[in-house]
Amino acid sequence: MFALSGSTASVVEERGITALHLTMTHDAGLAAAFVVLEGIRDDRTVPRGDDRR
């Protein structure tokens, strides 16, 4: 579970993000983390000129 606050919480809400997934790994003194955000696309938030569907 994520506890978001401030501007991060605002951006997540504004963009319609409904789920966040975190994965972390480490080995031999190296570490990596990735966060994947899921949401419902709202065409009003897609910049003009972006025709990806």
Protein backbone atom coordinates (compact mmCIF):
# COMPACT_ATOMS: atom_id res chain seq x y z
CA MET A 1 0.00 0.00 0.00
CA PHE A 2 1.25 3.48 -0.86
CA ALA A 3 0.63 6.55 1.27
CA LEU A 4 0.87 9.51 -1.09
CA SER A 5 0.69 13.13 -0.03
CA GLY A 6 1.22 16.65 -1.30
CA SER A 7 1.87 17.28 -4.98
CA THR A 8 2.40 13.57 -5.70
CA ALA A 9 -1.08 12.72 -4.42
CA SER A 10 -2.54 15.59 -6.47
CA VAL A 11 -0.87 14.46 -9.70
CA VAL A 12 -1.94 10.83 -9.18
CA GLU A 13 -5.55 11.93 -8.68
CA GLU A 14 -5.53 14.42 -11.59
CA ARG A 15 -4.20 11.79 -13.99
CA GLY A 16 -6.73 9.15 -12.97
CA ILE A 17 -4.14 6.73 -11.65
CA THR A 18 -5.95 3.92 -9.86
CA ALA A 19 -3.15 1.52 -8.89
CA LEU A 20 0.58 1.60 -8.19
CA HIS A 21 2.85 -1.45 -8.23
CA LEU A 22 6.37 -1.53 -6.80
CA THR A 23 9.09 -4.08 -7.45
CA MET A 24 12.52 -4.03 -5.85
CA THR A 25 15.58 -6.20 -6.27
CA HIS A 26 19.14 -6.30 -4.97
CA ASP A 27 22.28 -8.34 -5.40
CA ALA A 28 25.97 -7.84 -4.62
CA GLY A 29 25.60 -4.26 -3.41
CA LEU A 30 23.38 -3.11 -6.30
CA ALA A 31 19.70 -2.31 -6.04
CA ALA A 32 16.91 -1.37 -8.42
CA ALA A 33 13.27 -0.37 -8.03
CA PHE A 34 10.47 0.15 -10.52
CA VAL A 35 7.02 1.63 -10.04
CA VAL A 36 4.25 0.92 -12.54
CA LEU A 37 1.18 3.17 -12.54
CA GLU A 38 -2.22 2.05 -13.84
CA GLY A 39 -5.24 4.12 -14.69
CA ILE A 40 -8.01 4.80 -17.13
CA ARG A 41 -6.96 6.92 -20.09
CA ASP A 42 -8.71 10.26 -20.36
CA ASP A 43 -8.11 11.81 -23.79
CA ARG A 44 -8.28 15.26 -22.24
CA THR A 45 -4.93 14.58 -20.54
CA VAL A 46 -3.10 13.43 -23.69
CA PRO A 47 -0.95 16.20 -25.21
CA ARG A 48 -2.03 17.37 -28.66
CA GLY A 49 -0.23 15.71 -31.52
CA ASP A 50 -0.04 12.41 -29.67
CA ASP A 51 -2.07 9.99 -31.76
CA ARG A 52 -1.18 6.83 -29.83
CA ARG A 53 -4.29 4.86 -28.91
